[in-house]
Amino acid sequence: MTEHVTWPPFNELQANTTLVLVGSLIFAFVVGIMDFVFENALRLFYQSF
């Protein structure tokens, strides 16, 4: 089984790496925006008491 390993072409690896990088950055941006919104919403909520 290990003798018949074939690697994908370099351009396919590069495209998949770029896709994962872009997806990770988008995910991090969305999580950061959600954190910012919740932080400010909770701050306003607690300041009202």
C-alpha atoms as a PDB file:
ATOM      1  CA  MET A   1       0.000   0.000   0.000  1.00  0.00           C
ATOM      2  CA  THR A   2       2.793   2.469   0.765  1.00  0.00           C
ATOM      3  CA  GLU A   3       4.649   1.618  -2.436  1.00  0.00           C
ATOM      4  CA  HIS A   4       1.991   3.049  -4.754  1.00  0.00           C
ATOM      5  CA  VAL A   5       1.678   6.545  -3.319  1.00  0.00           C
ATOM      6  CA  THR A   6       1.200   9.339  -5.841  1.00  0.00           C
ATOM      7  CA  TRP A   7       1.405  12.983  -4.898  1.00  0.00           C
ATOM      8  CA  PRO A   8      -0.894  15.511  -6.537  1.00  0.00           C
ATOM      9  CA  PRO A   9       0.727  17.963  -8.938  1.00  0.00           C
ATOM     10  CA  PHE A  10       2.330  21.059  -7.447  1.00  0.00           C
ATOM     11  CA  ASN A  11      -0.285  23.443  -8.885  1.00  0.00           C
ATOM     12  CA  GLU A  12      -3.078  21.427  -7.253  1.00  0.00           C
ATOM     13  CA  LEU A  13      -1.275  21.507  -3.891  1.00  0.00           C
ATOM     14  CA  GLN A  14      -0.749  25.244  -4.263  1.00  0.00           C
ATOM     15  CA  ALA A  15      -4.419  25.832  -5.096  1.00  0.00           C
ATOM     16  CA  ASN A  16      -5.604  23.747  -2.146  1.00  0.00           C
ATOM     17  CA  THR A  17      -3.182  25.498   0.206  1.00  0.00           C
ATOM     18  CA  THR A  18      -4.434  28.891  -0.975  1.00  0.00           C
ATOM     19  CA  LEU A  19      -8.027  27.774  -0.511  1.00  0.00           C
ATOM     20  CA  VAL A  20      -7.361  26.619   3.055  1.00  0.00           C
ATOM     21  CA  LEU A  21      -5.498  29.837   3.869  1.00  0.00           C
ATOM     22  CA  VAL A  22      -8.270  32.069   2.514  1.00  0.00           C
ATOM     23  CA  GLY A  23     -10.947  30.006   4.263  1.00  0.00           C
ATOM     24  CA  SER A  24      -9.055  30.204   7.555  1.00  0.00           C
ATOM     25  CA  LEU A  25      -8.665  33.975   7.256  1.00  0.00           C
ATOM     26  CA  ILE A  26     -12.370  34.427   6.503  1.00  0.00           C
ATOM     27  CA  PHE A  27     -13.286  32.217   9.466  1.00  0.00           C
ATOM     28  CA  ALA A  28     -10.952  34.176  11.772  1.00  0.00           C
ATOM     29  CA  PHE A  29     -12.415  37.477  10.549  1.00  0.00           C
ATOM     30  CA  VAL A  30     -15.995  36.297  11.191  1.00  0.00           C
ATOM     31  CA  VAL A  31     -15.099  35.067  14.687  1.00  0.00           C
ATOM     32  CA  GLY A  32     -13.354  38.381  15.408  1.00  0.00           C
ATOM     33  CA  ILE A  33     -16.408  40.374  14.303  1.00  0.00           C
ATOM     34  CA  MET A  34     -18.681  38.182  16.442  1.00  0.00           C
ATOM     35  CA  ASP A  35     -16.381  38.705  19.440  1.00  0.00           C
ATOM     36  CA  PHE A  36     -16.400  42.466  18.913  1.00  0.00           C
ATOM     37  CA  VAL A  37     -20.203  42.589  18.632  1.00  0.00           C
ATOM     38  CA  PHE A  38     -20.806  40.451  21.715  1.00  0.00           C
ATOM     39  CA  GLU A  39     -18.237  42.372  23.748  1.00  0.00           C
ATOM     40  CA  ASN A  40     -19.847  45.723  22.970  1.00  0.00           C
ATOM     41  CA  ALA A  41     -23.392  44.407  23.384  1.00  0.00           C
ATOM     42  CA  LEU A  42     -22.587  42.978  26.813  1.00  0.00           C
ATOM     43  CA  ARG A  43     -20.767  46.163  27.825  1.00  0.00           C
ATOM     44  CA  LEU A  44     -23.838  48.239  26.932  1.00  0.00           C
ATOM     45  CA  PHE A  45     -26.103  45.757  28.709  1.00  0.00           C
ATOM     46  CA  TYR A  46     -24.089  45.812  31.950  1.00  0.00           C
ATOM     47  CA  GLN A  47     -23.693  49.598  31.883  1.00  0.00           C
ATOM     48  CA  SER A  48     -27.466  49.961  31.896  1.00  0.00           C
ATOM     49  CA  PHE A  49     -27.634  48.589  35.465  1.00  0.00           C
END
